[in-house]
Amino acid sequence: MTSENPDQHPLSASPTSSGSETLTPLEQEVLDEYAQLLGNLNAMSTLLLNLSNAPSAAMLDGLRGLERKTSLVFTLLKASVYSIVLNQQITDQVDMLPTQEEVERWRGEKERRAEMDG
């Protein structure tokens, strides 16, 4: 990662004062490592901010494709459910229709009543 200018970020390294205190080489090395770590964290913060503000085109294209597929599956599911319900209604209506034997029996009973009345 490239290091950004620390003044652009909320965290910044303060330069060591060369006044009254002198640092041992180990202390100076630790401070330098912390300054480098701060620069890396600031660079990572900037990168994450850019990524969160502008999603990649590839991700958006993938989500659009997923949305289309999901929509297609939902449409096919609705059509299947509608077909099942429609077939069940047709079957129920056919089951309610009288059989040929019942129709002939009713006709026979109707004819007998007509003969008895007439």
PDB file of N, CA and C in Angstrom:
ATOM      1  N   MET A   1       0.837  -1.176   0.000  1.00  0.00           N
ATOM      2  CA  MET A   1       0.000   0.000   0.000  1.00  0.00           C
ATOM      3  C   MET A   1       0.881   1.238   0.000  1.00  0.00           C
ATOM      4  N   THR A   2       0.441   2.224  -0.707  1.00  0.00           N
ATOM      5  CA  THR A   2       1.186   3.472  -0.701  1.00  0.00           C
ATOM      6  C   THR A   2       0.766   4.300   0.490  1.00  0.00           C
ATOM      7  N   SER A   3       1.693   5.017   1.013  1.00  0.00           N
ATOM      8  CA  SER A   3       1.415   5.820   2.198  1.00  0.00           C
ATOM      9  C   SER A   3       0.909   7.191   1.778  1.00  0.00           C
ATOM     10  N   GLU A   4      -0.185   7.626   2.377  1.00  0.00           N
ATOM     11  CA  GLU A   4      -0.791   8.923   2.090  1.00  0.00           C
ATOM     12  C   GLU A   4      -0.181   9.972   3.013  1.00  0.00           C
ATOM     13  N   ASN A   5      -0.450  11.196   2.733  1.00  0.00           N
ATOM     14  CA  ASN A   5      -0.032  12.284   3.590  1.00  0.00           C
ATOM     15  C   ASN A   5      -0.802  12.198   4.899  1.00  0.00           C
ATOM     16  N   PRO A   6      -0.147  12.101   6.038  1.00  0.00           N
ATOM     17  CA  PRO A   6      -0.867  11.937   7.303  1.00  0.00           C
ATOM     18  C   PRO A   6      -1.759  13.118   7.652  1.00  0.00           C
ATOM     19  N   ASP A   7      -1.549  14.282   7.058  1.00  0.00           N
ATOM     20  CA  ASP A   7      -2.384  15.436   7.378  1.00  0.00           C
ATOM     21  C   ASP A   7      -3.811  15.266   6.883  1.00  0.00           C
ATOM     22  N   GLN A   8      -4.057  14.331   5.944  1.00  0.00           N
ATOM     23  CA  GLN A   8      -5.384  14.126   5.388  1.00  0.00           C
ATOM     24  C   GLN A   8      -6.257  13.248   6.278  1.00  0.00           C
ATOM     25  N   HIS A   9      -5.722  12.641   7.274  1.00  0.00           N
ATOM     26  CA  HIS A   9      -6.433  11.659   8.086  1.00  0.00           C
ATOM     27  C   HIS A   9      -6.580  12.155   9.515  1.00  0.00           C
ATOM     28  N   PRO A  10      -7.561  11.594  10.213  1.00  0.00           N
ATOM     29  CA  PRO A  10      -7.758  12.025  11.600  1.00  0.00           C
ATOM     30  C   PRO A  10      -6.586  11.658  12.497  1.00  0.00           C
ATOM     31  N   LEU A  11      -5.850  10.613  12.156  1.00  0.00           N
ATOM     32  CA  LEU A  11      -4.701  10.213  12.947  1.00  0.00           C
ATOM     33  C   LEU A  11      -3.447  10.776  12.291  1.00  0.00           C
ATOM     34  N   SER A  12      -2.571  11.325  13.050  1.00  0.00           N
ATOM     35  CA  SER A  12      -1.335  11.833  12.459  1.00  0.00           C
ATOM     36  C   SER A  12      -0.199  11.631  13.450  1.00  0.00           C
ATOM     37  N   ALA A  13       0.981  11.493  12.888  1.00  0.00           N
ATOM     38  CA  ALA A  13       2.166  11.309  13.718  1.00  0.00           C
ATOM     39  C   ALA A  13       2.753  12.678  14.029  1.00  0.00           C
ATOM     40  N   SER A  14       3.099  12.876  15.279  1.00  0.00           N
ATOM     41  CA  SER A  14       3.717  14.154  15.624  1.00  0.00           C
ATOM     42  C   SER A  14       5.231  13.968  15.575  1.00  0.00           C
ATOM     43  N   PRO A  15       5.931  14.889  14.973  1.00  0.00           N
ATOM     44  CA  PRO A  15       7.383  14.740  14.886  1.00  0.00           C
ATOM     45  C   PRO A  15       8.002  14.817  16.278  1.00  0.00           C
ATOM     46  N   THR A  16       9.086  14.094  16.440  1.00  0.00           N
ATOM     47  CA  THR A  16       9.770  14.096  17.736  1.00  0.00           C
ATOM     48  C   THR A  16      10.530  15.410  17.888  1.00  0.00           C
ATOM     49  N   SER A  17      10.505  15.903  19.094  1.00  0.00           N
ATOM     50  CA  SER A  17      11.223  17.158  19.335  1.00  0.00           C
ATOM     51  C   SER A  17      12.677  16.837  19.655  1.00  0.00           C
ATOM     52  N   SER A  18      13.549  17.543  19.068  1.00  0.00           N
ATOM     53  CA  SER A  18      14.973  17.289  19.309  1.00  0.00           C
ATOM     54  C   SER A  18      15.499  18.221  20.396  1.00  0.00           C
ATOM     55  N   GLY A  19      14.607  18.609  21.299  1.00  0.00           N
ATOM     56  CA  GLY A  19      14.961  19.568  22.345  1.00  0.00           C
ATOM     57  C   GLY A  19      15.706  18.915  23.483  1.00  0.00           C
ATOM     58  N   SER A  20      15.033  18.781  24.604  1.00  0.00           N
ATOM     59  CA  SER A  20      15.688  18.384  25.836  1.00  0.00           C
ATOM     60  C   SER A  20      15.980  16.896  25.917  1.00  0.00           C
ATOM     61  N   GLU A  21      15.154  16.035  25.311  1.00  0.00           N
ATOM     62  CA  GLU A  21      15.342  14.596  25.463  1.00  0.00           C
ATOM     63  C   GLU A  21      15.968  14.010  24.212  1.00  0.00           C
ATOM     64  N   THR A  22      16.843  13.071  24.403  1.00  0.00           N
ATOM     65  CA  THR A  22      17.394  12.317  23.282  1.00  0.00           C
ATOM     66  C   THR A  22      16.899  10.897  23.414  1.00  0.00           C
ATOM     67  N   LEU A  23      16.632  10.270  22.278  1.00  0.00           N
ATOM     68  CA  LEU A  23      16.096   8.913  22.269  1.00  0.00           C
ATOM     69  C   LEU A  23      17.200   7.925  21.960  1.00  0.00           C
ATOM     70  N   THR A  24      17.069   6.755  22.547  1.00  0.00           N
ATOM     71  CA  THR A  24      18.001   5.685  22.201  1.00  0.00           C
ATOM     72  C   THR A  24      17.652   5.200  20.802  1.00  0.00           C
ATOM     73  N   PRO A  25      18.577   4.555  20.139  1.00  0.00           N
ATOM     74  CA  PRO A  25      18.280   4.050  18.795  1.00  0.00           C
ATOM     75  C   PRO A  25      17.081   3.095  18.786  1.00  0.00           C
ATOM     76  N   LEU A  26      16.918   2.294  19.808  1.00  0.00           N
ATOM     77  CA  LEU A  26      15.775   1.368  19.873  1.00  0.00           C
ATOM     78  C   LEU A  26      14.464   2.138  19.998  1.00  0.00           C
ATOM     79  N   GLU A  27      14.439   3.159  20.848  1.00  0.00           N
ATOM     80  CA  GLU A  27      13.233   3.974  20.994  1.00  0.00           C
ATOM     81  C   GLU A  27      12.890   4.686  19.690  1.00  0.00           C
ATOM     82  N   GLN A  28      13.921   5.203  19.013  1.00  0.00           N
ATOM     83  CA  GLN A  28      13.683   5.880  17.741  1.00  0.00           C
ATOM     84  C   GLN A  28      13.148   4.899  16.694  1.00  0.00           C
ATOM     85  N   GLU A  29      13.680   3.684  16.703  1.00  0.00           N
ATOM     86  CA  GLU A  29      13.215   2.660  15.752  1.00  0.00           C
ATOM     87  C   GLU A  29      11.760   2.288  16.030  1.00  0.00           C
ATOM     88  N   VAL A  30      11.391   2.160  17.307  1.00  0.00           N
ATOM     89  CA  VAL A  30      10.005   1.849  17.671  1.00  0.00           C
ATOM     90  C   VAL A  30       9.083   2.983  17.230  1.00  0.00           C
ATOM     91  N   LEU A  31       9.495   4.225  17.471  1.00  0.00           N
ATOM     92  CA  LEU A  31       8.688   5.368  17.044  1.00  0.00           C
ATOM     93  C   LEU A  31       8.549   5.410  15.526  1.00  0.00           C
ATOM     94  N   ASP A  32       9.609   5.092  14.819  1.00  0.00           N
ATOM     95  CA  ASP A  32       9.539   5.065  13.350  1.00  0.00           C
ATOM     96  C   ASP A  32       8.577   3.979  12.871  1.00  0.00           C
ATOM     97  N   GLU A  33       8.611   2.827  13.525  1.00  0.00           N
ATOM     98  CA  GLU A  33       7.691   1.739  13.156  1.00  0.00           C
ATOM     99  C   GLU A  33       6.239   2.151  13.417  1.00  0.00           C
ATOM    100  N   TYR A  34       6.008   2.814  14.544  1.00  0.00           N
ATOM    101  CA  TYR A  34       4.652   3.301  14.834  1.00  0.00           C
ATOM    102  C   TYR A  34       4.209   4.333  13.798  1.00  0.00           C
ATOM    103  N   ALA A  35       5.109   5.199  13.386  1.00  0.00           N
ATOM    104  CA  ALA A  35       4.769   6.195  12.365  1.00  0.00           C
ATOM    105  C   ALA A  35       4.439   5.508  11.042  1.00  0.00           C
ATOM    106  N   GLN A  36       5.223   4.482  10.691  1.00  0.00           N
ATOM    107  CA  GLN A  36       4.945   3.737   9.456  1.00  0.00           C
ATOM    108  C   GLN A  36       3.608   3.004   9.571  1.00  0.00           C
ATOM    109  N   LEU A  37       3.338   2.413  10.734  1.00  0.00           N
ATOM    110  CA  LEU A  37       2.063   1.733  10.962  1.00  0.00           C
ATOM    111  C   LEU A  37       0.903   2.718  10.836  1.00  0.00           C
ATOM    112  N   LEU A  38       1.074   3.916  11.389  1.00  0.00           N
ATOM    113  CA  LEU A  38       0.043   4.941  11.284  1.00  0.00           C
ATOM    114  C   LEU A  38      -0.209   5.309   9.822  1.00  0.00           C
ATOM    115  N   GLY A  39       0.850   5.459   9.055  1.00  0.00           N
ATOM    116  CA  GLY A  39       0.695   5.761   7.630  1.00  0.00           C
ATOM    117  C   GLY A  39      -0.043   4.651   6.902  1.00  0.00           C
ATOM    118  N   ASN A  40       0.291   3.399   7.214  1.00  0.00           N
ATOM    119  CA  ASN A  40      -0.388   2.262   6.578  1.00  0.00           C
ATOM    120  C   ASN A  40      -1.863   2.204   6.971  1.00  0.00           C
ATOM    121  N   LEU A  41      -2.166   2.470   8.241  1.00  0.00           N
ATOM    122  CA  LEU A  41      -3.560   2.468   8.683  1.00  0.00           C
ATOM    123  C   LEU A  41      -4.349   3.586   8.016  1.00  0.00           C
ATOM    124  N   ASN A  42      -3.727   4.752   7.867  1.00  0.00           N
ATOM    125  CA  ASN A  42      -4.404   5.857   7.184  1.00  0.00           C
ATOM    126  C   ASN A  42      -4.648   5.521   5.716  1.00  0.00           C
ATOM    127  N   ALA A  43      -3.676   4.890   5.068  1.00  0.00           N
ATOM    128  CA  ALA A  43      -3.845   4.494   3.665  1.00  0.00           C
ATOM    129  C   ALA A  43      -4.958   3.458   3.542  1.00  0.00           C
ATOM    130  N   MET A  44      -4.985   2.506   4.475  1.00  0.00           N
ATOM    131  CA  MET A  44      -6.030   1.484   4.455  1.00  0.00           C
ATOM    132  C   MET A  44      -7.397   2.112   4.714  1.00  0.00           C
ATOM    133  N   SER A  45      -7.457   3.080   5.600  1.00  0.00           N
ATOM    134  CA  SER A  45      -8.718   3.769   5.875  1.00  0.00           C
ATOM    135  C   SER A  45      -9.228   4.473   4.625  1.00  0.00           C
ATOM    136  N   THR A  46      -8.336   5.136   3.901  1.00  0.00           N
ATOM    137  CA  THR A  46      -8.726   5.812   2.660  1.00  0.00           C
ATOM    138  C   THR A  46      -9.213   4.807   1.631  1.00  0.00           C
ATOM    139  N   LEU A  47      -8.494   3.708   1.490  1.00  0.00           N
ATOM    140  CA  LEU A  47      -8.877   2.671   0.527  1.00  0.00           C
ATOM    141  C   LEU A  47     -10.239   2.073   0.875  1.00  0.00           C
ATOM    142  N   LEU A  48     -10.466   1.780   2.143  1.00  0.00           N
ATOM    143  CA  LEU A  48     -11.758   1.227   2.561  1.00  0.00           C
ATOM    144  C   LEU A  48     -12.882   2.236   2.360  1.00  0.00           C
ATOM    145  N   LEU A  49     -12.606   3.501   2.590  1.00  0.00           N
ATOM    146  CA  LEU A  49     -13.613   4.535   2.361  1.00  0.00           C
ATOM    147  C   LEU A  49     -13.978   4.599   0.881  1.00  0.00           C
ATOM    148  N   ASN A  50     -12.976   4.535   0.012  1.00  0.00           N
ATOM    149  CA  ASN A  50     -13.241   4.541  -1.432  1.00  0.00           C
ATOM    150  C   ASN A  50     -14.030   3.311  -1.853  1.00  0.00           C
ATOM    151  N   LEU A  51     -13.681   2.160  -1.312  1.00  0.00           N
ATOM    152  CA  LEU A  51     -14.400   0.928  -1.665  1.00  0.00           C
ATOM    153  C   LEU A  51     -15.844   0.961  -1.184  1.00  0.00           C
ATOM    154  N   SER A  52     -16.068   1.512  -0.010  1.00  0.00           N
ATOM    155  CA  SER A  52     -17.439   1.537   0.513  1.00  0.00           C
ATOM    156  C   SER A  52     -18.299   2.574  -0.199  1.00  0.00           C
ATOM    157  N   ASN A  53     -17.695   3.633  -0.698  1.00  0.00           N
ATOM    158  CA  ASN A  53     -18.466   4.671  -1.386  1.00  0.00           C
ATOM    159  C   ASN A  53     -18.761   4.327  -2.835  1.00  0.00           C
ATOM    160  N   ALA A  54     -17.912   3.569  -3.487  1.00  0.00           N
ATOM    161  CA  ALA A  54     -18.095   3.251  -4.908  1.00  0.00           C
ATOM    162  C   ALA A  54     -17.936   1.749  -5.115  1.00  0.00           C
ATOM    163  N   PRO A  55     -19.046   0.988  -5.055  1.00  0.00           N
ATOM    164  CA  PRO A  55     -18.937  -0.453  -5.276  1.00  0.00           C
ATOM    165  C   PRO A  55     -18.423  -0.742  -6.682  1.00  0.00           C
ATOM    166  N   SER A  56     -17.720  -1.817  -6.800  1.00  0.00           N
ATOM    167  CA  SER A  56     -17.118  -2.132  -8.096  1.00  0.00           C
ATOM    168  C   SER A  56     -18.182  -2.500  -9.120  1.00  0.00           C
ATOM    169  N   ALA A  57     -17.883  -2.200 -10.363  1.00  0.00           N
ATOM    170  CA  ALA A  57     -18.815  -2.486 -11.458  1.00  0.00           C
ATOM    171  C   ALA A  57     -19.054  -3.985 -11.588  1.00  0.00           C
ATOM    172  N   ALA A  58     -18.025  -4.764 -11.336  1.00  0.00           N
ATOM    173  CA  ALA A  58     -18.179  -6.220 -11.443  1.00  0.00           C
ATOM    174  C   ALA A  58     -19.178  -6.734 -10.410  1.00  0.00           C
ATOM    175  N   MET A  59     -19.116  -6.191  -9.197  1.00  0.00           N
ATOM    176  CA  MET A  59     -20.052  -6.626  -8.163  1.00  0.00           C
ATOM    177  C   MET A  59     -21.477  -6.228  -8.532  1.00  0.00           C
ATOM    178  N   LEU A  60     -21.638  -5.014  -9.049  1.00  0.00           N
ATOM    179  CA  LEU A  60     -22.971  -4.569  -9.454  1.00  0.00           C
ATOM    180  C   LEU A  60     -23.513  -5.417 -10.595  1.00  0.00           C
ATOM    181  N   ASP A  61     -22.659  -5.750 -11.565  1.00  0.00           N
ATOM    182  CA  ASP A  61     -23.099  -6.604 -12.673  1.00  0.00           C
ATOM    183  C   ASP A  61     -23.497  -7.986 -12.163  1.00  0.00           C
ATOM    184  N   GLY A  62     -22.718  -8.508 -11.226  1.00  0.00           N
ATOM    185  CA  GLY A  62     -23.053  -9.803 -10.650  1.00  0.00           C
ATOM    186  C   GLY A  62     -24.378  -9.776  -9.915  1.00  0.00           C
ATOM    187  N   LEU A  63     -24.613  -8.705  -9.176  1.00  0.00           N
ATOM    188  CA  LEU A  63     -25.880  -8.582  -8.452  1.00  0.00           C
ATOM    189  C   LEU A  63     -27.051  -8.425  -9.409  1.00  0.00           C
ATOM    190  N   ARG A  64     -26.838  -7.707 -10.519  1.00  0.00           N
ATOM    191  CA  ARG A  64     -27.909  -7.581 -11.515  1.00  0.00           C
ATOM    192  C   ARG A  64     -28.247  -8.942 -12.117  1.00  0.00           C
ATOM    193  N   GLY A  65     -27.211  -9.711 -12.446  1.00  0.00           N
ATOM    194  CA  GLY A  65     -27.439 -11.057 -12.981  1.00  0.00           C
ATOM    195  C   GLY A  65     -28.174 -11.932 -11.985  1.00  0.00           C
ATOM    196  N   LEU A  66     -27.776 -11.857 -10.722  1.00  0.00           N
ATOM    197  CA  LEU A  66     -28.451 -12.630  -9.679  1.00  0.00           C
ATOM    198  C   LEU A  66     -29.898 -12.191  -9.539  1.00  0.00           C
ATOM    199  N   GLU A  67     -30.153 -10.895  -9.644  1.00  0.00           N
ATOM    200  CA  GLU A  67     -31.522 -10.390  -9.552  1.00  0.00           C
ATOM    201  C   GLU A  67     -32.374 -10.935 -10.702  1.00  0.00           C
ATOM    202  N   ARG A  68     -31.801 -10.963 -11.912  1.00  0.00           N
ATOM    203  CA  ARG A  68     -32.547 -11.497 -13.059  1.00  0.00           C
ATOM    204  C   ARG A  68     -32.871 -12.973 -12.856  1.00  0.00           C
ATOM    205  N   LYS A  69     -31.885 -13.741 -12.406  1.00  0.00           N
ATOM    206  CA  LYS A  69     -32.112 -15.175 -12.196  1.00  0.00           C
ATOM    207  C   LYS A  69     -33.151 -15.409 -11.103  1.00  0.00           C
ATOM    208  N   THR A  70     -33.064 -14.639 -10.030  1.00  0.00           N
ATOM    209  CA  THR A  70     -34.031 -14.772  -8.945  1.00  0.00           C
ATOM    210  C   THR A  70     -35.429 -14.432  -9.431  1.00  0.00           C
ATOM    211  N   SER A  71     -35.535 -13.393 -10.238  1.00  0.00           N
ATOM    212  CA  SER A  71     -36.833 -13.006 -10.787  1.00  0.00           C
ATOM    213  C   SER A  71     -37.391 -14.107 -11.678  1.00  0.00           C
ATOM    214  N   LEU A  72     -36.535 -14.717 -12.487  1.00  0.00           N
ATOM    215  CA  LEU A  72     -36.975 -15.804 -13.361  1.00  0.00           C
ATOM    216  C   LEU A  72     -37.458 -16.998 -12.541  1.00  0.00           C
ATOM    217  N   VAL A  73     -36.703 -17.360 -11.517  1.00  0.00           N
ATOM    218  CA  VAL A  73     -37.100 -18.486 -10.668  1.00  0.00           C
ATOM    219  C   VAL A  73     -38.428 -18.184  -9.983  1.00  0.00           C
ATOM    220  N   PHE A  74     -38.616 -16.957  -9.508  1.00  0.00           N
ATOM    221  CA  PHE A  74     -39.863 -16.578  -8.849  1.00  0.00           C
ATOM    222  C   PHE A  74     -41.032 -16.669  -9.824  1.00  0.00           C
ATOM    223  N   THR A  75     -40.823 -16.200 -11.055  1.00  0.00           N
ATOM    224  CA  THR A  75     -41.882 -16.267 -12.067  1.00  0.00           C
ATOM    225  C   THR A  75     -42.238 -17.715 -12.382  1.00  0.00           C
ATOM    226  N   LEU A  76     -41.228 -18.560 -12.539  1.00  0.00           N
ATOM    227  CA  LEU A  76     -41.488 -19.975 -12.819  1.00  0.00           C
ATOM    228  C   LEU A  76     -42.203 -20.648 -11.645  1.00  0.00           C
ATOM    229  N   LEU A  77     -41.836 -20.286 -10.433  1.00  0.00           N
ATOM    230  CA  LEU A  77     -42.498 -20.850  -9.256  1.00  0.00           C
ATOM    231  C   LEU A  77     -43.963 -20.436  -9.216  1.00  0.00           C
ATOM    232  N   LYS A  78     -44.239 -19.158  -9.487  1.00  0.00           N
ATOM    233  CA  LYS A  78     -45.635 -18.705  -9.504  1.00  0.00           C
ATOM    234  C   LYS A  78     -46.429 -19.444 -10.580  1.00  0.00           C
ATOM    235  N   ALA A  79     -45.826 -19.628 -11.758  1.00  0.00           N
ATOM    236  CA  ALA A  79     -46.518 -20.333 -12.836  1.00  0.00           C
ATOM    237  C   ALA A  79     -46.786 -21.781 -12.445  1.00  0.00           C
ATOM    238  N   SER A  80     -45.840 -22.420 -11.782  1.00  0.00           N
ATOM    239  CA  SER A  80     -46.033 -23.806 -11.350  1.00  0.00           C
ATOM    240  C   SER A  80     -47.148 -23.913 -10.320  1.00  0.00           C
ATOM    241  N   VAL A  81     -47.151 -23.012  -9.360  1.00  0.00           N
ATOM    242  CA  VAL A  81     -48.198 -23.031  -8.335  1.00  0.00           C
ATOM    243  C   VAL A  81     -49.557 -22.783  -8.979  1.00  0.00           C
ATOM    244  N   TYR A  82     -49.628 -21.831  -9.902  1.00  0.00           N
ATOM    245  CA  TYR A  82     -50.886 -21.544 -10.593  1.00  0.00           C
ATOM    246  C   TYR A  82     -51.354 -22.775 -11.362  1.00  0.00           C
ATOM    247  N   SER A  83     -50.425 -23.456 -12.038  1.00  0.00           N
ATOM    248  CA  SER A  83     -50.775 -24.656 -12.804  1.00  0.00           C
ATOM    249  C   SER A  83     -51.306 -25.757 -11.887  1.00  0.00           C
ATOM    250  N   ILE A  84     -50.669 -25.941 -10.745  1.00  0.00           N
ATOM    251  CA  ILE A  84     -51.117 -26.966  -9.795  1.00  0.00           C
ATOM    252  C   ILE A  84     -52.513 -26.638  -9.284  1.00  0.00           C
ATOM    253  N   VAL A  85     -52.740 -25.380  -8.908  1.00  0.00           N
ATOM    254  CA  VAL A  85     -54.053 -24.976  -8.398  1.00  0.00           C
ATOM    255  C   VAL A  85     -55.114 -25.142  -9.476  1.00  0.00           C
ATOM    256  N   LEU A  86     -54.809 -24.730 -10.703  1.00  0.00           N
ATOM    257  CA  LEU A  86     -55.764 -24.845 -11.802  1.00  0.00           C
ATOM    258  C   LEU A  86     -56.093 -26.308 -12.090  1.00  0.00           C
ATOM    259  N   ASN A  87     -55.072 -27.161 -12.131  1.00  0.00           N
ATOM    260  CA  ASN A  87     -55.315 -28.590 -12.358  1.00  0.00           C
ATOM    261  C   ASN A  87     -56.158 -29.193 -11.243  1.00  0.00           C
ATOM    262  N   GLN A  88     -55.921 -28.770 -10.008  1.00  0.00           N
ATOM    263  CA  GLN A  88     -56.706 -29.283  -8.881  1.00  0.00           C
ATOM    264  C   GLN A  88     -58.166 -28.854  -9.003  1.00  0.00           C
ATOM    265  N   GLN A  89     -58.395 -27.601  -9.413  1.00  0.00           N
ATOM    266  CA  GLN A  89     -59.772 -27.132  -9.589  1.00  0.00           C
ATOM    267  C   GLN A  89     -60.469 -27.899 -10.705  1.00  0.00           C
ATOM    268  N   ILE A  90     -59.762 -28.140 -11.799  1.00  0.00           N
ATOM    269  CA  ILE A  90     -60.349 -28.900 -12.910  1.00  0.00           C
ATOM    270  C   ILE A  90     -60.672 -30.317 -12.464  1.00  0.00           C
ATOM    271  N   THR A  91     -59.762 -30.937 -11.727  1.00  0.00           N
ATOM    272  CA  THR A  91     -59.991 -32.297 -11.228  1.00  0.00           C
ATOM    273  C   THR A  91     -61.190 -32.331 -10.294  1.00  0.00           C
ATOM    274  N   ASP A  92     -61.298 -31.336  -9.415  1.00  0.00           N
ATOM    275  CA  ASP A  92     -62.438 -31.282  -8.498  1.00  0.00           C
ATOM    276  C   ASP A  92     -63.750 -31.124  -9.259  1.00  0.00           C
ATOM    277  N   GLN A  93     -63.756 -30.306 -10.305  1.00  0.00           N
ATOM    278  CA  GLN A  93     -64.972 -30.113 -11.095  1.00  0.00           C
ATOM    279  C   GLN A  93     -65.340 -31.383 -11.848  1.00  0.00           C
ATOM    280  N   VAL A  94     -64.346 -32.075 -12.387  1.00  0.00           N
ATOM    281  CA  VAL A  94     -64.616 -33.325 -13.108  1.00  0.00           C
ATOM    282  C   VAL A  94     -65.154 -34.372 -12.139  1.00  0.00           C
ATOM    283  N   ASP A  95     -64.618 -34.411 -10.928  1.00  0.00           N
ATOM    284  CA  ASP A  95     -65.097 -35.375  -9.934  1.00  0.00           C
ATOM    285  C   ASP A  95     -66.541 -35.090  -9.537  1.00  0.00           C
ATOM    286  N   MET A  96     -66.964 -33.835  -9.629  1.00  0.00           N
ATOM    287  CA  MET A  96     -68.330 -33.480  -9.249  1.00  0.00           C
ATOM    288  C   MET A  96     -69.337 -33.807 -10.351  1.00  0.00           C
ATOM    289  N   LEU A  97     -68.875 -33.992 -11.580  1.00  0.00           N
ATOM    290  CA  LEU A  97     -69.788 -34.314 -12.683  1.00  0.00           C
ATOM    291  C   LEU A  97     -70.336 -35.731 -12.502  1.00  0.00           C
ATOM    292  N   PRO A  98     -71.592 -35.950 -12.871  1.00  0.00           N
ATOM    293  CA  PRO A  98     -72.151 -37.307 -12.735  1.00  0.00           C
ATOM    294  C   PRO A  98     -71.550 -38.235 -13.798  1.00  0.00           C
ATOM    295  N   THR A  99     -71.475 -39.510 -13.442  1.00  0.00           N
ATOM    296  CA  THR A  99     -70.993 -40.504 -14.404  1.00  0.00           C
ATOM    297  C   THR A  99     -72.108 -40.823 -15.387  1.00  0.00           C
ATOM    298  N   GLN A 100     -71.773 -41.525 -16.450  1.00  0.00           N
ATOM    299  CA  GLN A 100     -72.763 -41.903 -17.469  1.00  0.00           C
ATOM    300  C   GLN A 100     -73.843 -42.795 -16.857  1.00  0.00           C
ATOM    301  N   GLU A 101     -73.461 -43.675 -15.949  1.00  0.00           N
ATOM    302  CA  GLU A 101     -74.434 -44.563 -15.294  1.00  0.00           C
ATOM    303  C   GLU A 101     -75.433 -43.754 -14.470  1.00  0.00           C
ATOM    304  N   GLU A 102     -74.933 -42.726 -13.734  1.00  0.00           N
ATOM    305  CA  GLU A 102     -75.827 -41.894 -12.933  1.00  0.00           C
ATOM    306  C   GLU A 102     -76.795 -41.120 -13.816  1.00  0.00           C
ATOM    307  N   VAL A 103     -76.320 -40.619 -14.954  1.00  0.00           N
ATOM    308  CA  VAL A 103     -77.184 -39.883 -15.876  1.00  0.00           C
ATOM    309  C   VAL A 103     -78.276 -40.800 -16.409  1.00  0.00           C
ATOM    310  N   GLU A 104     -77.923 -42.038 -16.802  1.00  0.00           N
ATOM    311  CA  GLU A 104     -78.913 -42.988 -17.329  1.00  0.00           C
ATOM    312  C   GLU A 104     -79.923 -43.362 -16.246  1.00  0.00           C
ATOM    313  N   ARG A 105     -79.469 -43.556 -15.025  1.00  0.00           N
ATOM    314  CA  ARG A 105     -80.366 -43.895 -13.927  1.00  0.00           C
ATOM    315  C   ARG A 105     -81.348 -42.752 -13.663  1.00  0.00           C
ATOM    316  N   TRP A 106     -80.868 -41.484 -13.671  1.00  0.00           N
ATOM    317  CA  TRP A 106     -81.740 -40.332 -13.456  1.00  0.00           C
ATOM    318  C   TRP A 106     -82.773 -40.209 -14.573  1.00  0.00           C
ATOM    319  N   ARG A 107     -82.325 -40.479 -15.798  1.00  0.00           N
ATOM    320  CA  ARG A 107     -83.269 -40.424 -16.925  1.00  0.00           C
ATOM    321  C   ARG A 107     -84.357 -41.486 -16.759  1.00  0.00           C
ATOM    322  N   GLY A 108     -83.935 -42.687 -16.350  1.00  0.00           N
ATOM    323  CA  GLY A 108     -84.903 -43.770 -16.137  1.00  0.00           C
ATOM    324  C   GLY A 108     -85.907 -43.405 -15.057  1.00  0.00           C
ATOM    325  N   GLU A 109     -85.416 -42.833 -13.955  1.00  0.00           N
ATOM    326  CA  GLU A 109     -86.313 -42.427 -12.870  1.00  0.00           C
ATOM    327  C   GLU A 109     -87.256 -41.320 -13.330  1.00  0.00           C
ATOM    328  N   LYS A 110     -86.770 -40.420 -14.129  1.00  0.00           N
ATOM    329  CA  LYS A 110     -87.587 -39.321 -14.636  1.00  0.00           C
ATOM    330  C   LYS A 110     -88.677 -39.858 -15.561  1.00  0.00           C
ATOM    331  N   GLU A 111     -88.318 -40.815 -16.410  1.00  0.00           N
ATOM    332  CA  GLU A 111     -89.297 -41.413 -17.331  1.00  0.00           C
ATOM    333  C   GLU A 111     -90.369 -42.173 -16.550  1.00  0.00           C
ATOM    334  N   ARG A 112     -89.977 -42.899 -15.505  1.00  0.00           N
ATOM    335  CA  ARG A 112     -90.952 -43.641 -14.690  1.00  0.00           C
ATOM    336  C   ARG A 112     -91.921 -42.689 -13.995  1.00  0.00           C
ATOM    337  N   ARG A 113     -91.403 -41.582 -13.485  1.00  0.00           N
ATOM    338  CA  ARG A 113     -92.274 -40.601 -12.839  1.00  0.00           C
ATOM    339  C   ARG A 113     -93.248 -40.002 -13.850  1.00  0.00           C
ATOM    340  N   ALA A 114     -92.731 -39.752 -15.049  1.00  0.00           N
ATOM    341  CA  ALA A 114     -93.589 -39.178 -16.086  1.00  0.00           C
ATOM    342  C   ALA A 114     -94.682 -40.162 -16.473  1.00  0.00           C
ATOM    343  N   GLU A 115     -94.382 -41.462 -16.530  1.00  0.00           N
ATOM    344  CA  GLU A 115     -95.381 -42.487 -16.870  1.00  0.00           C
ATOM    345  C   GLU A 115     -96.417 -42.598 -15.753  1.00  0.00           C
ATOM    346  N   MET A 116     -95.954 -42.496 -14.511  1.00  0.00           N
ATOM    347  CA  MET A 116     -96.876 -42.620 -13.385  1.00  0.00           C
ATOM    348  C   MET A 116     -97.812 -41.413 -13.305  1.00  0.00           C
ATOM    349  N   ASP A 117     -97.290 -40.254 -13.631  1.00  0.00           N
ATOM    350  CA  ASP A 117     -98.097 -39.035 -13.577  1.00  0.00           C
ATOM    351  C   ASP A 117     -99.020 -38.932 -14.786  1.00  0.00           C
ATOM    352  N   GLY A 118     -98.652 -39.513 -15.856  1.00  0.00           N
ATOM    353  CA  GLY A 118     -99.351 -39.271 -17.090  1.00  0.00           C
ATOM    354  C   GLY A 118    -100.273 -40.280 -17.543  1.00  0.00           C
TER     355      GLY A 118
END
